[in-house]
Amino acid sequence: MLLLTIDYVPGKELEALGIVKGTVVQSKNFGKDFMAGMKTLVGGEIAGYTEMLNEARQIATKRMVDEAQALGADAVVNVRYGSSSVMQGAAEVVAYGTAVKLR
């Protein structure tokens, strides 16, 4: 499965199969969330949340690709990511794009 972020593949015609998406709501355990809160007092990167969001993006991407494969797609084009806070210490990550068949 290809993840393409372009609208054109030289020498290939694309048949759009539809929008596909993958979502996940991820949280940290209480201990890590507490330590992240302490980090906000001194500033800097909160590595625990960076890791959480990276893991969430991987899960959302896999779910999007699985949905595209179920449609018989060869690739997903124009992939985008979005995230939002669901509650303190938990974030939703969405991956979405257009499933296409290469001809």
Protein backbone atom coordinates (compact mmCIF):
# COMPACT_ATOMS: atom_id res chain seq x y z
CA MET A 1 0.00 0.00 0.00
CA LEU A 2 1.40 3.36 -1.02
CA LEU A 3 0.80 6.53 0.94
CA LEU A 4 1.10 9.32 -1.60
CA THR A 5 0.78 13.02 -0.95
CA ILE A 6 0.57 14.01 -4.60
CA ASP A 7 -2.34 14.25 -7.02
CA TYR A 8 -0.49 12.84 -10.02
CA VAL A 9 1.48 9.65 -10.63
CA PRO A 10 3.35 9.81 -13.96
CA GLY A 11 2.04 7.25 -16.45
CA LYS A 12 -0.80 6.12 -14.18
CA GLU A 13 -4.47 6.95 -14.12
CA LEU A 14 -6.07 7.14 -10.68
CA GLU A 15 -9.57 5.90 -9.93
CA ALA A 16 -10.84 7.43 -6.68
CA LEU A 17 -12.54 4.85 -4.46
CA GLY A 18 -13.51 7.24 -1.68
CA ILE A 19 -12.35 8.86 1.52
CA VAL A 20 -10.71 6.58 4.08
CA LYS A 21 -9.85 7.41 7.65
CA GLY A 22 -8.36 6.04 10.81
CA THR A 23 -8.92 7.41 14.29
CA VAL A 24 -7.59 6.75 17.77
CA VAL A 25 -7.99 8.37 21.17
CA GLN A 26 -4.79 7.94 23.14
CA SER A 27 -3.92 8.81 26.74
CA LYS A 28 -0.99 8.56 29.10
CA ASN A 29 -1.09 6.82 32.45
CA PHE A 30 -1.56 8.95 35.56
CA GLY A 31 2.12 8.91 36.54
CA LYS A 32 3.34 10.16 33.17
CA ASP A 33 0.51 12.69 32.98
CA PHE A 34 1.46 14.04 36.40
CA MET A 35 5.12 14.35 35.40
CA ALA A 36 4.10 16.13 32.19
CA GLY A 37 2.14 18.60 34.30
CA MET A 38 5.27 19.28 36.35
CA LYS A 39 7.22 19.89 33.13
CA THR A 40 4.88 22.76 32.24
CA LEU A 41 6.24 24.65 35.25
CA VAL A 42 9.74 24.88 33.76
CA GLY A 43 8.92 24.74 30.05
CA GLY A 44 10.39 22.69 27.22
CA GLU A 45 9.29 19.68 25.25
CA ILE A 46 7.05 17.20 27.01
CA ALA A 47 8.59 14.01 25.63
CA GLY A 48 5.84 11.76 27.01
CA TYR A 49 3.18 13.58 24.99
CA THR A 50 5.39 13.66 21.89
CA GLU A 51 5.73 9.87 22.12
CA MET A 52 1.99 9.49 22.74
CA LEU A 53 1.10 11.52 19.64
CA ASN A 54 3.66 9.70 17.46
CA GLU A 55 2.21 6.36 18.55
CA ALA A 56 -1.34 7.62 17.96
CA ARG A 57 -0.42 8.80 14.42
CA GLN A 58 1.01 5.35 13.63
CA ILE A 59 -2.16 3.63 14.86
CA ALA A 60 -4.44 6.04 12.97
CA THR A 61 -2.37 5.60 9.78
CA LYS A 62 -2.56 1.81 10.03
CA ARG A 63 -6.34 1.94 10.50
CA MET A 64 -6.66 4.24 7.47
CA VAL A 65 -4.52 1.90 5.35
CA ASP A 66 -6.54 -1.13 6.53
CA GLU A 67 -9.76 0.62 5.45
CA ALA A 68 -8.23 1.44 2.05
CA GLN A 69 -7.08 -2.14 1.55
CA ALA A 70 -10.58 -3.39 2.36
CA LEU A 71 -11.80 -1.24 -0.56
CA GLY A 72 -9.18 -2.80 -2.86
CA ALA A 73 -7.11 0.40 -3.09
CA ASP A 74 -3.53 0.47 -4.31
CA ALA A 75 -2.70 3.76 -2.64
CA VAL A 76 -3.94 6.58 -0.46
CA VAL A 77 -3.36 10.10 -1.78
CA ASN A 78 -3.57 13.51 -0.14
CA VAL A 79 -3.06 12.11 3.35
CA ARG A 80 -3.80 14.55 6.16
CA TYR A 81 -3.65 14.38 9.94
CA GLY A 82 -5.67 16.18 12.57
CA SER A 83 -5.71 16.09 16.33
CA SER A 84 -7.78 17.46 19.15
CA SER A 85 -7.81 17.27 22.90
CA VAL A 86 -10.62 15.05 24.15
CA MET A 87 -9.88 15.60 27.85
CA GLN A 88 -6.93 16.35 30.12
CA GLY A 89 -4.15 13.97 29.05
CA ALA A 90 -6.01 12.39 26.11
CA ALA A 91 -5.92 13.30 22.43
CA GLU A 92 -7.75 12.14 19.34
CA VAL A 93 -5.68 11.71 16.19
CA VAL A 94 -7.32 11.32 12.78
CA ALA A 95 -5.58 10.27 9.56
CA TYR A 96 -7.55 10.62 6.33
CA GLY A 97 -7.04 10.59 2.60
CA THR A 98 -8.46 9.39 -0.70
CA ALA A 99 -8.19 5.69 -1.52
CA VAL A 100 -7.29 5.17 -5.18
CA LYS A 101 -6.77 2.34 -7.62
CA LEU A 102 -3.83 2.74 -10.02
CA ARG A 103 -4.48 1.83 -13.67
